[in-house]
Amino acid sequence: MTFLTPAQQTELDIAIREAEQACRAEISIYIGDVDGDPRDFATSLHNTLVLPARSILVMVDPKRRIVEIVTGGHVRQTLTDEESADAVEKMTAEFAAGDLAGGLTRGVRLLGEHALD
């Protein structure tokens, strides 16, 4: 199932690249069905990334209306749980208005700003 149009994907990719350049962390997005416990699922995805310690994973299950953010140890030195929760709050407000792509783009930008070294 495709959740984003090609134009929305391009806009999100640009936001991810800009945020990564700003905060020097890798940012990954997962949109899809989540099996089992959402936090465990997100953590297992995060652990498969190339540099988990320097990575941020945003996981969204649109059907179950679940958003999880998992950050690596290095990222947690500059990105607090409160800042991640703020990004989730901003994203879910846009998701509730029917804008998945806009919510993800806004959330990625916020995470990039908050995670600056």
Protein backbone atom coordinates (compact mmCIF):
# COMPACT_ATOMS: atom_id res chain seq x y z
CA MET A 1 0.00 0.00 0.00
CA THR A 2 1.31 3.42 -0.95
CA PHE A 3 0.76 6.10 1.64
CA LEU A 4 2.47 9.04 -0.09
CA THR A 5 2.29 10.37 -3.62
CA PRO A 6 5.58 10.69 -5.50
CA ALA A 7 5.52 14.47 -4.92
CA GLN A 8 4.90 14.01 -1.19
CA GLN A 9 7.70 11.43 -1.00
CA THR A 10 10.07 13.86 -2.72
CA GLU A 11 9.15 16.65 -0.30
CA LEU A 12 9.67 14.31 2.67
CA ASP A 13 13.02 13.11 1.27
CA ILE A 14 14.18 16.73 0.97
CA ALA A 15 13.11 17.45 4.57
CA ILE A 16 14.97 14.35 5.76
CA ARG A 17 18.18 15.32 3.94
CA GLU A 18 18.04 18.88 5.30
CA ALA A 19 17.38 17.68 8.85
CA GLU A 20 20.17 15.11 8.63
CA GLN A 21 22.62 17.74 7.42
CA ALA A 22 21.60 20.08 10.24
CA CYS A 23 21.74 17.61 13.12
CA ARG A 24 24.28 15.08 11.76
CA ALA A 25 22.00 12.13 12.57
CA GLU A 26 20.42 9.59 10.22
CA ILE A 27 16.62 9.86 10.02
CA SER A 28 14.47 6.97 8.84
CA ILE A 29 10.72 6.75 8.36
CA TYR A 30 8.59 3.62 8.47
CA ILE A 31 4.95 3.87 7.40
CA GLY A 32 2.95 0.68 7.51
CA ASP A 33 1.41 -2.06 9.58
CA VAL A 34 2.94 -2.76 12.97
CA ASP A 35 3.03 -6.29 14.34
CA GLY A 36 2.69 -6.76 18.09
CA ASP A 37 3.79 -4.14 20.58
CA PRO A 38 4.45 -0.86 18.74
CA ARG A 39 7.46 0.15 20.85
CA ASP A 40 9.10 -3.25 20.46
CA PHE A 41 8.43 -3.20 16.72
CA ALA A 42 9.92 0.31 16.37
CA THR A 43 12.95 -0.62 18.46
CA SER A 44 13.60 -3.73 16.36
CA LEU A 45 13.41 -1.62 13.18
CA HIS A 46 15.78 0.94 14.69
CA ASN A 47 18.27 -1.77 15.60
CA THR A 48 18.51 -2.81 11.92
CA LEU A 49 19.70 0.64 10.81
CA VAL A 50 23.31 1.07 9.71
CA LEU A 51 24.24 3.41 12.59
CA PRO A 52 21.58 2.97 15.29
CA ALA A 53 23.46 5.09 17.84
CA ARG A 54 23.36 8.05 15.44
CA SER A 55 19.85 7.40 14.11
CA ILE A 56 16.28 8.54 14.61
CA LEU A 57 13.45 6.27 13.51
CA VAL A 58 9.92 7.60 13.07
CA MET A 59 7.40 4.78 12.81
CA VAL A 60 3.78 5.42 11.82
CA ASP A 61 0.97 2.88 11.58
CA PRO A 62 -1.86 4.89 10.00
CA LYS A 63 -4.46 2.12 10.51
CA ARG A 64 -3.82 1.81 14.24
CA ARG A 65 -3.01 5.53 14.63
CA ILE A 66 0.32 4.82 16.28
CA VAL A 67 3.46 6.96 16.17
CA GLU A 68 6.74 5.96 17.80
CA ILE A 69 10.11 7.68 17.72
CA VAL A 70 13.23 5.71 18.63
CA THR A 71 16.56 7.49 19.04
CA GLY A 72 20.07 6.12 19.36
CA GLY A 73 22.37 6.81 22.27
CA HIS A 74 24.36 9.52 20.51
CA VAL A 75 21.19 11.30 19.38
CA ARG A 76 19.74 11.24 22.92
CA GLN A 77 22.59 13.49 24.03
CA THR A 78 20.93 16.37 22.16
CA LEU A 79 17.33 15.23 21.53
CA THR A 80 15.25 14.84 24.69
CA ASP A 81 12.18 12.67 25.18
CA GLU A 82 10.16 15.86 25.63
CA GLU A 83 11.34 17.18 22.25
CA SER A 84 10.46 13.87 20.60
CA ALA A 85 7.03 13.98 22.26
CA ASP A 86 6.56 17.52 20.95
CA ALA A 87 7.32 16.32 17.42
CA VAL A 88 4.81 13.47 17.83
CA GLU A 89 2.18 15.92 19.06
CA LYS A 90 2.71 18.21 16.05
CA MET A 91 2.68 15.26 13.63
CA THR A 92 -0.46 13.70 15.04
CA ALA A 93 -2.31 17.02 14.85
CA GLU A 94 -1.62 17.10 11.12
CA PHE A 95 -2.41 13.40 10.74
CA ALA A 96 -5.79 14.01 12.40
CA ALA A 97 -6.46 16.70 9.80
CA GLY A 98 -5.77 14.13 7.08
CA ASP A 99 -2.26 15.26 6.17
CA LEU A 100 0.13 12.32 6.64
CA ALA A 101 2.84 13.78 4.40
CA GLY A 102 2.67 17.23 5.97
CA GLY A 103 2.77 15.79 9.46
CA LEU A 104 5.81 13.66 8.70
CA THR A 105 7.60 16.55 7.01
CA ARG A 106 6.89 18.86 9.95
CA GLY A 107 7.96 16.22 12.45
CA VAL A 108 11.22 15.50 10.63
CA ARG A 109 12.05 19.20 10.53
CA LEU A 110 11.33 19.57 14.25
CA LEU A 111 13.44 16.54 15.12
CA GLY A 112 16.30 17.92 13.03
CA GLU A 113 16.10 21.28 14.79
CA HIS A 114 15.89 19.73 18.26
CA ALA A 115 18.74 17.26 17.63
CA LEU A 116 21.33 19.88 16.67
CA ASP A 117 24.72 19.14 18.24
